[in-house]
N, C-alpha and C. Protein backbone atom coordinates (compact mmCIF):
# COMPACT_ATOMS: atom_id res chain seq x y z
N MET A 1 25.70 -3.55 -31.45
CA MET A 1 25.88 -3.88 -30.05
C MET A 1 27.01 -3.06 -29.45
N VAL A 2 26.86 -2.72 -28.19
CA VAL A 2 27.87 -1.94 -27.48
C VAL A 2 28.56 -2.86 -26.49
N LYS A 3 29.88 -2.82 -26.49
CA LYS A 3 30.63 -3.64 -25.53
C LYS A 3 30.89 -2.82 -24.28
N ILE A 4 30.60 -3.43 -23.13
CA ILE A 4 30.86 -2.79 -21.84
C ILE A 4 31.63 -3.77 -20.97
N ILE A 5 32.32 -3.24 -19.95
CA ILE A 5 33.03 -4.15 -19.05
C ILE A 5 32.04 -4.75 -18.05
N ALA A 6 32.30 -5.98 -17.65
CA ALA A 6 31.37 -6.73 -16.80
C ALA A 6 31.05 -6.01 -15.49
N SER A 7 32.01 -5.29 -14.92
CA SER A 7 31.77 -4.64 -13.63
C SER A 7 30.74 -3.51 -13.72
N SER A 8 30.43 -3.04 -14.94
CA SER A 8 29.45 -1.96 -15.08
C SER A 8 28.04 -2.47 -15.39
N VAL A 9 27.86 -3.80 -15.41
CA VAL A 9 26.53 -4.39 -15.65
C VAL A 9 25.65 -4.12 -14.43
N ARG A 10 24.42 -3.68 -14.68
CA ARG A 10 23.48 -3.36 -13.60
C ARG A 10 22.16 -4.10 -13.80
N LYS A 11 21.39 -4.20 -12.74
CA LYS A 11 20.06 -4.79 -12.79
C LYS A 11 19.23 -4.06 -13.84
N GLY A 12 18.53 -4.82 -14.69
CA GLY A 12 17.69 -4.21 -15.72
C GLY A 12 18.37 -4.08 -17.06
N ASN A 13 19.72 -4.19 -17.11
CA ASN A 13 20.42 -4.13 -18.40
C ASN A 13 20.02 -5.31 -19.26
N VAL A 14 20.08 -5.14 -20.58
CA VAL A 14 19.81 -6.23 -21.51
C VAL A 14 21.13 -6.56 -22.19
N LEU A 15 21.56 -7.82 -22.05
CA LEU A 15 22.82 -8.27 -22.62
C LEU A 15 22.57 -9.30 -23.71
N GLU A 16 23.51 -9.35 -24.67
CA GLU A 16 23.44 -10.40 -25.68
C GLU A 16 24.58 -11.37 -25.40
N VAL A 17 24.23 -12.61 -25.11
CA VAL A 17 25.21 -13.65 -24.83
C VAL A 17 24.92 -14.81 -25.77
N ASP A 18 25.91 -15.20 -26.56
CA ASP A 18 25.75 -16.29 -27.53
C ASP A 18 24.54 -16.09 -28.45
N GLY A 19 24.32 -14.87 -28.88
CA GLY A 19 23.24 -14.58 -29.83
C GLY A 19 21.85 -14.51 -29.23
N LYS A 20 21.73 -14.62 -27.91
CA LYS A 20 20.41 -14.55 -27.26
C LYS A 20 20.38 -13.36 -26.31
N LEU A 21 19.19 -12.77 -26.17
CA LEU A 21 19.03 -11.62 -25.29
C LEU A 21 18.67 -12.06 -23.88
N TYR A 22 19.29 -11.41 -22.88
CA TYR A 22 19.04 -11.70 -21.47
C TYR A 22 18.80 -10.40 -20.72
N VAL A 23 17.88 -10.44 -19.74
CA VAL A 23 17.68 -9.30 -18.85
C VAL A 23 18.39 -9.61 -17.55
N VAL A 24 19.18 -8.65 -17.06
CA VAL A 24 19.93 -8.85 -15.82
C VAL A 24 18.98 -8.69 -14.63
N LEU A 25 18.92 -9.72 -13.78
CA LEU A 25 18.08 -9.68 -12.57
C LEU A 25 18.88 -9.16 -11.39
N THR A 26 20.12 -9.65 -11.24
CA THR A 26 21.02 -9.15 -10.20
C THR A 26 22.44 -9.14 -10.73
N ALA A 27 23.24 -8.21 -10.27
CA ALA A 27 24.65 -8.13 -10.66
C ALA A 27 25.45 -7.70 -9.44
N GLN A 28 26.43 -8.52 -9.06
CA GLN A 28 27.27 -8.21 -7.90
C GLN A 28 28.74 -8.36 -8.28
N ASN A 29 29.55 -7.43 -7.80
CA ASN A 29 30.99 -7.50 -8.01
C ASN A 29 31.64 -8.05 -6.75
N PHE A 30 32.49 -9.06 -6.90
CA PHE A 30 33.20 -9.65 -5.77
C PHE A 30 34.68 -9.38 -5.92
N HIS A 31 35.31 -8.90 -4.86
CA HIS A 31 36.74 -8.61 -4.85
C HIS A 31 37.40 -9.45 -3.76
N PRO A 32 37.80 -10.69 -4.11
CA PRO A 32 38.43 -11.54 -3.10
C PRO A 32 39.81 -11.00 -2.72
N GLY A 33 40.30 -11.40 -1.57
CA GLY A 33 41.62 -10.96 -1.13
C GLY A 33 42.70 -11.41 -2.09
N LYS A 34 42.58 -12.65 -2.57
CA LYS A 34 43.52 -13.17 -3.56
C LYS A 34 42.73 -13.46 -4.83
N GLY A 35 43.40 -13.40 -5.96
CA GLY A 35 42.74 -13.75 -7.21
C GLY A 35 42.14 -12.53 -7.88
N THR A 36 41.47 -12.79 -9.00
CA THR A 36 40.90 -11.68 -9.78
C THR A 36 39.48 -11.36 -9.34
N PRO A 37 39.11 -10.08 -9.36
CA PRO A 37 37.74 -9.71 -9.03
C PRO A 37 36.78 -10.24 -10.11
N VAL A 38 35.59 -10.66 -9.70
CA VAL A 38 34.62 -11.20 -10.65
C VAL A 38 33.26 -10.52 -10.47
N THR A 39 32.46 -10.59 -11.52
CA THR A 39 31.10 -10.08 -11.50
C THR A 39 30.17 -11.28 -11.64
N GLN A 40 29.29 -11.48 -10.66
CA GLN A 40 28.30 -12.57 -10.68
C GLN A 40 26.99 -11.97 -11.17
N VAL A 41 26.45 -12.51 -12.26
CA VAL A 41 25.24 -11.96 -12.87
C VAL A 41 24.18 -13.05 -12.98
N ASP A 42 22.98 -12.78 -12.44
CA ASP A 42 21.83 -13.66 -12.65
C ASP A 42 20.97 -13.01 -13.71
N MET A 43 20.62 -13.78 -14.76
CA MET A 43 19.89 -13.22 -15.89
C MET A 43 18.70 -14.12 -16.24
N ARG A 44 17.73 -13.52 -16.96
CA ARG A 44 16.59 -14.27 -17.47
C ARG A 44 16.60 -14.15 -18.98
N ARG A 45 16.59 -15.31 -19.68
CA ARG A 45 16.56 -15.30 -21.14
C ARG A 45 15.19 -14.81 -21.58
N ILE A 46 15.17 -13.84 -22.47
CA ILE A 46 13.92 -13.20 -22.87
C ILE A 46 13.02 -14.13 -23.66
N VAL A 47 13.59 -14.97 -24.51
CA VAL A 47 12.79 -15.83 -25.38
C VAL A 47 11.92 -16.79 -24.59
N ASP A 48 12.50 -17.49 -23.61
CA ASP A 48 11.74 -18.54 -22.92
C ASP A 48 11.68 -18.38 -21.40
N GLY A 49 12.29 -17.31 -20.85
CA GLY A 49 12.18 -17.06 -19.41
C GLY A 49 13.11 -17.88 -18.54
N VAL A 50 14.03 -18.65 -19.13
CA VAL A 50 14.96 -19.48 -18.36
C VAL A 50 15.96 -18.59 -17.62
N LYS A 51 16.17 -18.88 -16.34
CA LYS A 51 17.13 -18.10 -15.55
C LYS A 51 18.51 -18.73 -15.66
N VAL A 52 19.52 -17.87 -15.79
CA VAL A 52 20.90 -18.31 -16.00
C VAL A 52 21.80 -17.49 -15.09
N SER A 53 22.84 -18.13 -14.54
CA SER A 53 23.86 -17.42 -13.77
C SER A 53 25.16 -17.44 -14.55
N GLU A 54 25.83 -16.29 -14.60
CA GLU A 54 27.12 -16.18 -15.28
C GLU A 54 28.11 -15.52 -14.33
N ARG A 55 29.37 -15.84 -14.52
CA ARG A 55 30.43 -15.20 -13.73
C ARG A 55 31.53 -14.77 -14.69
N TRP A 56 31.82 -13.48 -14.69
CA TRP A 56 32.86 -12.95 -15.58
C TRP A 56 33.90 -12.22 -14.74
N ARG A 57 35.14 -12.16 -15.26
CA ARG A 57 36.13 -11.28 -14.64
C ARG A 57 35.62 -9.86 -14.84
N THR A 58 35.85 -8.99 -13.88
CA THR A 58 35.29 -7.63 -13.95
C THR A 58 35.78 -6.84 -15.15
N THR A 59 36.91 -7.21 -15.72
CA THR A 59 37.45 -6.47 -16.87
C THR A 59 37.02 -7.08 -18.21
N GLU A 60 36.32 -8.23 -18.19
CA GLU A 60 35.86 -8.86 -19.43
C GLU A 60 34.82 -7.99 -20.12
N GLN A 61 34.81 -8.08 -21.46
CA GLN A 61 33.84 -7.32 -22.25
C GLN A 61 32.58 -8.16 -22.45
N VAL A 62 31.42 -7.55 -22.25
CA VAL A 62 30.14 -8.20 -22.55
C VAL A 62 29.37 -7.29 -23.50
N GLU A 63 28.48 -7.87 -24.29
CA GLU A 63 27.73 -7.08 -25.26
C GLU A 63 26.39 -6.66 -24.69
N ARG A 64 26.17 -5.36 -24.69
CA ARG A 64 24.90 -4.82 -24.22
C ARG A 64 24.03 -4.56 -25.45
N ALA A 65 22.84 -5.13 -25.46
CA ALA A 65 21.92 -4.98 -26.60
C ALA A 65 21.41 -3.55 -26.66
N PHE A 66 21.10 -3.09 -27.87
CA PHE A 66 20.55 -1.74 -28.01
C PHE A 66 19.09 -1.77 -27.60
N VAL A 67 18.82 -1.15 -26.51
CA VAL A 67 17.45 -1.03 -26.03
C VAL A 67 17.16 0.43 -25.79
N GLU A 68 15.93 0.77 -26.02
CA GLU A 68 15.51 2.14 -25.81
C GLU A 68 14.89 2.21 -24.42
N ASP A 69 15.41 3.09 -23.58
CA ASP A 69 14.83 3.29 -22.25
C ASP A 69 13.87 4.48 -22.32
N VAL A 70 12.59 4.20 -22.09
CA VAL A 70 11.54 5.22 -22.24
C VAL A 70 10.76 5.32 -20.93
N ASN A 71 10.43 6.56 -20.53
CA ASN A 71 9.59 6.77 -19.36
C ASN A 71 8.15 6.38 -19.69
N PHE A 72 7.58 5.53 -18.85
CA PHE A 72 6.19 5.13 -19.00
C PHE A 72 5.50 5.31 -17.66
N GLN A 73 4.20 5.55 -17.72
CA GLN A 73 3.40 5.73 -16.51
C GLN A 73 2.55 4.48 -16.30
N TYR A 74 2.58 3.94 -15.07
CA TYR A 74 1.81 2.73 -14.77
C TYR A 74 0.33 3.09 -14.68
N LEU A 75 -0.51 2.32 -15.37
CA LEU A 75 -1.95 2.56 -15.34
C LEU A 75 -2.68 1.55 -14.46
N TYR A 76 -2.68 0.27 -14.85
CA TYR A 76 -3.42 -0.73 -14.10
C TYR A 76 -2.96 -2.13 -14.48
N GLU A 77 -3.48 -3.12 -13.72
CA GLU A 77 -3.18 -4.53 -13.99
C GLU A 77 -4.49 -5.24 -14.27
N ASP A 78 -4.48 -6.14 -15.27
CA ASP A 78 -5.64 -6.99 -15.52
C ASP A 78 -5.16 -8.36 -15.96
N GLY A 79 -6.04 -9.17 -16.54
CA GLY A 79 -5.70 -10.53 -16.96
C GLY A 79 -4.60 -10.58 -18.01
N GLU A 80 -4.47 -9.53 -18.84
CA GLU A 80 -3.44 -9.49 -19.87
C GLU A 80 -2.05 -9.26 -19.29
N GLY A 81 -1.98 -8.44 -18.26
CA GLY A 81 -0.70 -8.08 -17.66
C GLY A 81 -0.77 -6.69 -17.05
N PHE A 82 0.38 -6.00 -17.06
CA PHE A 82 0.48 -4.67 -16.45
C PHE A 82 0.52 -3.63 -17.57
N HIS A 83 -0.40 -2.67 -17.51
CA HIS A 83 -0.54 -1.68 -18.58
C HIS A 83 0.20 -0.39 -18.23
N PHE A 84 1.00 0.07 -19.19
CA PHE A 84 1.77 1.31 -19.04
C PHE A 84 1.46 2.22 -20.22
N MET A 85 1.59 3.54 -20.01
CA MET A 85 1.34 4.50 -21.07
C MET A 85 2.52 5.45 -21.19
N ASN A 86 2.92 5.73 -22.44
CA ASN A 86 3.94 6.73 -22.70
C ASN A 86 3.26 8.09 -22.57
N PRO A 87 3.65 8.95 -21.61
CA PRO A 87 2.96 10.22 -21.39
C PRO A 87 3.11 11.21 -22.54
N GLU A 88 4.10 11.00 -23.42
CA GLU A 88 4.30 11.92 -24.55
C GLU A 88 3.47 11.53 -25.77
N THR A 89 3.44 10.22 -26.09
CA THR A 89 2.75 9.78 -27.30
C THR A 89 1.40 9.12 -26.99
N TYR A 90 1.13 8.85 -25.73
CA TYR A 90 -0.08 8.16 -25.26
C TYR A 90 -0.17 6.72 -25.76
N ASP A 91 0.95 6.17 -26.27
CA ASP A 91 1.00 4.76 -26.66
C ASP A 91 0.95 3.92 -25.40
N GLN A 92 0.22 2.79 -25.47
CA GLN A 92 0.15 1.90 -24.32
C GLN A 92 0.83 0.58 -24.64
N VAL A 93 1.51 0.04 -23.64
CA VAL A 93 2.14 -1.28 -23.77
C VAL A 93 1.72 -2.14 -22.58
N VAL A 94 1.72 -3.44 -22.82
CA VAL A 94 1.38 -4.39 -21.76
C VAL A 94 2.64 -5.16 -21.41
N VAL A 95 2.97 -5.20 -20.13
CA VAL A 95 4.15 -5.92 -19.65
C VAL A 95 3.67 -7.19 -18.97
N SER A 96 4.27 -8.32 -19.33
CA SER A 96 3.84 -9.60 -18.78
C SER A 96 4.26 -9.76 -17.31
N GLU A 97 3.59 -10.69 -16.67
CA GLU A 97 3.87 -11.01 -15.27
C GLU A 97 5.33 -11.48 -15.10
N GLU A 98 5.84 -12.27 -16.06
CA GLU A 98 7.22 -12.78 -15.99
C GLU A 98 8.22 -11.63 -16.06
N THR A 99 7.96 -10.65 -16.94
CA THR A 99 8.86 -9.51 -17.07
C THR A 99 8.86 -8.67 -15.80
N MET A 100 7.69 -8.53 -15.17
CA MET A 100 7.58 -7.73 -13.95
C MET A 100 8.34 -8.37 -12.80
N GLY A 101 8.18 -9.67 -12.63
CA GLY A 101 8.85 -10.37 -11.53
C GLY A 101 8.37 -9.86 -10.18
N GLU A 102 9.29 -9.77 -9.23
CA GLU A 102 8.94 -9.37 -7.87
C GLU A 102 8.71 -7.87 -7.74
N GLN A 103 9.05 -7.12 -8.80
CA GLN A 103 8.91 -5.66 -8.73
C GLN A 103 7.45 -5.21 -8.70
N LYS A 104 6.53 -6.10 -9.08
CA LYS A 104 5.13 -5.70 -9.18
C LYS A 104 4.57 -5.23 -7.84
N ALA A 105 5.13 -5.67 -6.75
CA ALA A 105 4.64 -5.27 -5.42
C ALA A 105 4.80 -3.77 -5.18
N TYR A 106 5.75 -3.13 -5.86
CA TYR A 106 6.01 -1.71 -5.64
C TYR A 106 5.19 -0.80 -6.55
N LEU A 107 4.54 -1.35 -7.57
CA LEU A 107 3.81 -0.51 -8.52
C LEU A 107 2.67 0.23 -7.86
N GLN A 108 2.57 1.51 -8.18
CA GLN A 108 1.48 2.35 -7.69
C GLN A 108 0.91 3.09 -8.88
N GLU A 109 -0.40 3.25 -8.90
CA GLU A 109 -1.06 3.92 -10.02
C GLU A 109 -0.45 5.30 -10.27
N GLY A 110 -0.13 5.59 -11.53
CA GLY A 110 0.44 6.88 -11.89
C GLY A 110 1.94 6.96 -11.73
N MET A 111 2.58 5.90 -11.22
CA MET A 111 4.03 5.89 -11.01
C MET A 111 4.76 5.91 -12.35
N THR A 112 5.81 6.72 -12.44
CA THR A 112 6.63 6.77 -13.65
C THR A 112 7.78 5.78 -13.52
N CYS A 113 7.88 4.87 -14.50
CA CYS A 113 8.92 3.85 -14.52
C CYS A 113 9.65 3.94 -15.85
N ILE A 114 10.83 3.35 -15.92
CA ILE A 114 11.58 3.32 -17.18
C ILE A 114 11.45 1.91 -17.74
N LEU A 115 10.87 1.81 -18.95
CA LEU A 115 10.75 0.53 -19.63
C LEU A 115 11.86 0.41 -20.66
N SER A 116 12.54 -0.71 -20.66
CA SER A 116 13.55 -0.98 -21.68
C SER A 116 12.85 -1.72 -22.82
N ILE A 117 12.85 -1.10 -24.00
CA ILE A 117 12.12 -1.65 -25.13
C ILE A 117 13.11 -2.01 -26.24
N HIS A 118 13.01 -3.26 -26.72
CA HIS A 118 13.86 -3.75 -27.81
C HIS A 118 12.94 -4.19 -28.94
N GLU A 119 13.02 -3.49 -30.09
CA GLU A 119 12.19 -3.78 -31.25
C GLU A 119 10.71 -3.84 -30.90
N GLY A 120 10.25 -2.86 -30.10
CA GLY A 120 8.83 -2.73 -29.76
C GLY A 120 8.35 -3.63 -28.64
N VAL A 121 9.22 -4.47 -28.10
CA VAL A 121 8.82 -5.39 -27.03
C VAL A 121 9.41 -4.94 -25.70
N PRO A 122 8.57 -4.73 -24.66
CA PRO A 122 9.12 -4.37 -23.35
C PRO A 122 9.87 -5.55 -22.73
N LEU A 123 11.14 -5.33 -22.40
CA LEU A 123 11.98 -6.41 -21.88
C LEU A 123 12.22 -6.32 -20.38
N ALA A 124 12.37 -5.11 -19.90
CA ALA A 124 12.71 -4.93 -18.49
C ALA A 124 12.09 -3.64 -17.99
N LEU A 125 11.93 -3.56 -16.68
CA LEU A 125 11.33 -2.41 -16.04
C LEU A 125 12.25 -1.91 -14.95
N GLU A 126 12.45 -0.60 -14.90
CA GLU A 126 13.25 0.00 -13.83
C GLU A 126 12.32 0.89 -13.02
N LEU A 127 12.17 0.54 -11.76
CA LEU A 127 11.31 1.31 -10.85
C LEU A 127 12.06 2.53 -10.33
N PRO A 128 11.32 3.51 -9.78
CA PRO A 128 12.01 4.59 -9.07
C PRO A 128 12.82 3.98 -7.92
N ARG A 129 13.90 4.65 -7.53
CA ARG A 129 14.77 4.10 -6.48
C ARG A 129 14.05 3.97 -5.14
N HIS A 130 13.14 4.91 -4.85
CA HIS A 130 12.42 4.90 -3.57
C HIS A 130 10.92 5.02 -3.80
N VAL A 131 10.14 4.33 -2.96
CA VAL A 131 8.69 4.48 -2.97
C VAL A 131 8.22 4.75 -1.54
N THR A 132 7.09 5.43 -1.45
CA THR A 132 6.51 5.72 -0.14
C THR A 132 5.36 4.76 0.11
N LEU A 133 5.43 4.04 1.22
CA LEU A 133 4.41 3.06 1.58
C LEU A 133 4.02 3.25 3.04
N GLU A 134 2.88 2.67 3.41
CA GLU A 134 2.42 2.78 4.79
C GLU A 134 2.70 1.48 5.54
N ILE A 135 3.06 1.61 6.80
CA ILE A 135 3.25 0.44 7.67
C ILE A 135 1.86 0.01 8.13
N VAL A 136 1.49 -1.26 7.87
CA VAL A 136 0.17 -1.73 8.30
C VAL A 136 0.24 -2.53 9.60
N GLU A 137 1.42 -3.10 9.87
CA GLU A 137 1.55 -3.90 11.09
C GLU A 137 3.00 -3.90 11.53
N THR A 138 3.23 -3.77 12.83
CA THR A 138 4.59 -3.84 13.35
C THR A 138 4.53 -4.30 14.80
N GLU A 139 5.65 -4.78 15.30
CA GLU A 139 5.70 -5.25 16.68
C GLU A 139 5.85 -4.06 17.63
N PRO A 140 5.35 -4.20 18.87
CA PRO A 140 5.54 -3.11 19.83
C PRO A 140 7.02 -2.98 20.22
N VAL A 141 7.38 -1.80 20.69
CA VAL A 141 8.76 -1.54 21.08
C VAL A 141 9.07 -2.28 22.38
N VAL A 142 10.24 -2.89 22.43
CA VAL A 142 10.70 -3.57 23.64
C VAL A 142 11.41 -2.53 24.49
N LYS A 143 11.07 -2.46 25.76
CA LYS A 143 11.69 -1.48 26.65
C LYS A 143 13.20 -1.69 26.70
N GLY A 144 13.93 -0.58 26.61
CA GLY A 144 15.38 -0.66 26.66
C GLY A 144 16.02 -0.79 25.28
N GLN A 145 15.18 -0.91 24.25
CA GLN A 145 15.70 -1.01 22.88
C GLN A 145 16.14 0.38 22.43
N THR A 146 17.35 0.49 21.90
CA THR A 146 17.81 1.80 21.45
C THR A 146 17.52 1.98 19.97
N ALA A 147 17.20 3.20 19.57
CA ALA A 147 16.80 3.48 18.20
C ALA A 147 17.93 3.29 17.21
N SER A 148 19.16 3.51 17.61
CA SER A 148 20.26 3.49 16.66
C SER A 148 20.71 2.08 16.26
N SER A 149 20.61 1.13 17.17
CA SER A 149 21.23 -0.16 16.89
C SER A 149 20.27 -1.26 16.46
N SER A 150 18.98 -1.13 16.77
CA SER A 150 18.10 -2.26 16.50
C SER A 150 16.92 -1.88 15.62
N TYR A 151 16.47 -2.84 14.87
CA TYR A 151 15.31 -2.66 14.01
C TYR A 151 14.28 -3.72 14.36
N LYS A 152 13.02 -3.48 14.02
CA LYS A 152 11.97 -4.45 14.27
C LYS A 152 11.24 -4.76 12.97
N PRO A 153 10.67 -5.97 12.85
CA PRO A 153 9.98 -6.32 11.61
C PRO A 153 8.68 -5.54 11.44
N ALA A 154 8.33 -5.25 10.19
CA ALA A 154 7.09 -4.54 9.89
C ALA A 154 6.54 -5.05 8.56
N ILE A 155 5.21 -4.96 8.40
CA ILE A 155 4.58 -5.34 7.14
C ILE A 155 4.08 -4.06 6.48
N LEU A 156 4.43 -3.90 5.19
CA LEU A 156 4.08 -2.70 4.43
C LEU A 156 2.71 -2.86 3.78
N SER A 157 2.15 -1.75 3.29
CA SER A 157 0.84 -1.77 2.65
C SER A 157 0.80 -2.61 1.38
N ASN A 158 1.98 -2.90 0.79
CA ASN A 158 2.01 -3.75 -0.41
C ASN A 158 2.19 -5.23 -0.05
N GLY A 159 2.21 -5.56 1.24
CA GLY A 159 2.31 -6.94 1.69
C GLY A 159 3.72 -7.42 1.96
N LEU A 160 4.73 -6.65 1.59
CA LEU A 160 6.12 -7.05 1.82
C LEU A 160 6.54 -6.77 3.26
N ARG A 161 7.54 -7.53 3.70
CA ARG A 161 8.10 -7.34 5.05
C ARG A 161 9.38 -6.53 4.94
N THR A 162 9.65 -5.72 5.95
CA THR A 162 10.90 -4.97 6.01
C THR A 162 11.25 -4.77 7.49
N MET A 163 12.40 -4.18 7.73
CA MET A 163 12.82 -3.87 9.10
C MET A 163 12.82 -2.36 9.26
N VAL A 164 12.22 -1.88 10.35
CA VAL A 164 12.14 -0.44 10.61
C VAL A 164 12.66 -0.13 12.00
N PRO A 165 13.06 1.13 12.23
CA PRO A 165 13.51 1.52 13.58
C PRO A 165 12.37 1.39 14.60
N PRO A 166 12.71 1.27 15.87
CA PRO A 166 11.69 1.07 16.92
C PRO A 166 10.65 2.19 17.02
N HIS A 167 10.99 3.42 16.65
CA HIS A 167 10.04 4.53 16.80
C HIS A 167 8.95 4.56 15.73
N ILE A 168 9.03 3.70 14.72
CA ILE A 168 8.04 3.65 13.65
C ILE A 168 6.89 2.74 14.06
N ASP A 169 5.65 3.25 13.98
CA ASP A 169 4.47 2.47 14.37
C ASP A 169 3.56 2.23 13.17
N ALA A 170 2.57 1.37 13.34
CA ALA A 170 1.58 1.11 12.29
C ALA A 170 0.89 2.42 11.92
N GLY A 171 0.61 2.60 10.62
CA GLY A 171 -0.03 3.82 10.15
C GLY A 171 0.96 4.88 9.70
N THR A 172 2.24 4.69 9.98
CA THR A 172 3.27 5.66 9.58
C THR A 172 3.65 5.42 8.13
N ARG A 173 3.79 6.50 7.35
CA ARG A 173 4.24 6.39 5.97
C ARG A 173 5.77 6.48 5.95
N VAL A 174 6.40 5.52 5.27
CA VAL A 174 7.85 5.46 5.23
C VAL A 174 8.34 5.35 3.78
N VAL A 175 9.60 5.76 3.56
CA VAL A 175 10.23 5.65 2.26
C VAL A 175 11.05 4.35 2.25
N ILE A 176 10.82 3.52 1.22
CA ILE A 176 11.48 2.22 1.10
C ILE A 176 12.31 2.19 -0.18
N ALA A 177 13.51 1.62 -0.10
CA ALA A 177 14.36 1.45 -1.29
C ALA A 177 13.86 0.24 -2.06
N THR A 178 13.54 0.41 -3.35
CA THR A 178 12.98 -0.69 -4.14
C THR A 178 14.03 -1.76 -4.47
N GLU A 179 15.29 -1.41 -4.44
CA GLU A 179 16.34 -2.36 -4.81
C GLU A 179 16.44 -3.52 -3.81
N ASP A 180 16.38 -3.20 -2.50
CA ASP A 180 16.55 -4.26 -1.51
C ASP A 180 15.47 -4.26 -0.42
N ASN A 181 14.38 -3.51 -0.64
CA ASN A 181 13.26 -3.48 0.29
C ASN A 181 13.66 -3.00 1.69
N SER A 182 14.61 -2.06 1.75
CA SER A 182 15.07 -1.58 3.05
C SER A 182 14.47 -0.21 3.39
N TYR A 183 14.35 0.05 4.67
CA TYR A 183 13.84 1.32 5.19
C TYR A 183 14.86 2.41 4.91
N VAL A 184 14.39 3.56 4.39
CA VAL A 184 15.27 4.70 4.13
C VAL A 184 15.02 5.78 5.16
N GLU A 185 13.76 6.23 5.26
CA GLU A 185 13.41 7.30 6.20
C GLU A 185 11.90 7.37 6.35
N ARG A 186 11.48 8.17 7.33
CA ARG A 186 10.06 8.44 7.51
C ARG A 186 9.64 9.39 6.38
N ALA A 187 8.45 9.16 5.80
CA ALA A 187 7.98 10.02 4.70
C ALA A 187 7.74 11.43 5.20
N LYS A 188 8.06 12.41 4.34
CA LYS A 188 7.94 13.81 4.75
C LYS A 188 6.56 14.40 4.44
N ASP A 189 5.64 13.58 3.89
CA ASP A 189 4.32 14.14 3.56
C ASP A 189 3.33 13.98 4.70
């Protein structure tokens, strides 16, 4: 096991706490005006899927489990789960619905993702930072609305909602950040 400081814990990391493996769902560092900075971590226990919240001082040591991060290509989804293939060895693995979580909305056929594998079992998935999606529905622009200060709600081709600038209309392809589902820019393709 490798010891790391709590402030360097990121989403998708696999930690060992009290002899059990956990996948980090969210990790935030808080720096209050008074007192010690802390890291708030929401994790899912791999064995049974139970979600747990932990709070550590940012300088505390936590144990990061040895996991192999391997590039895999997304193939398809069926009743078993989500199928991925290692493009170098052509090995295929199936990732369960619980492991995928909310990230499944961003999966696109042929997309390269990083799977964290511990003893042959896929534990966590790291998506590309940005994906390109199409706007399927958005509200019309309100007259007098300025492009710099205001955003309007829009529905993406994967069914998720986001906020986009007023000049973006339905049918426009946009780049979305997978971490927080936010608009980045208009797609260049």
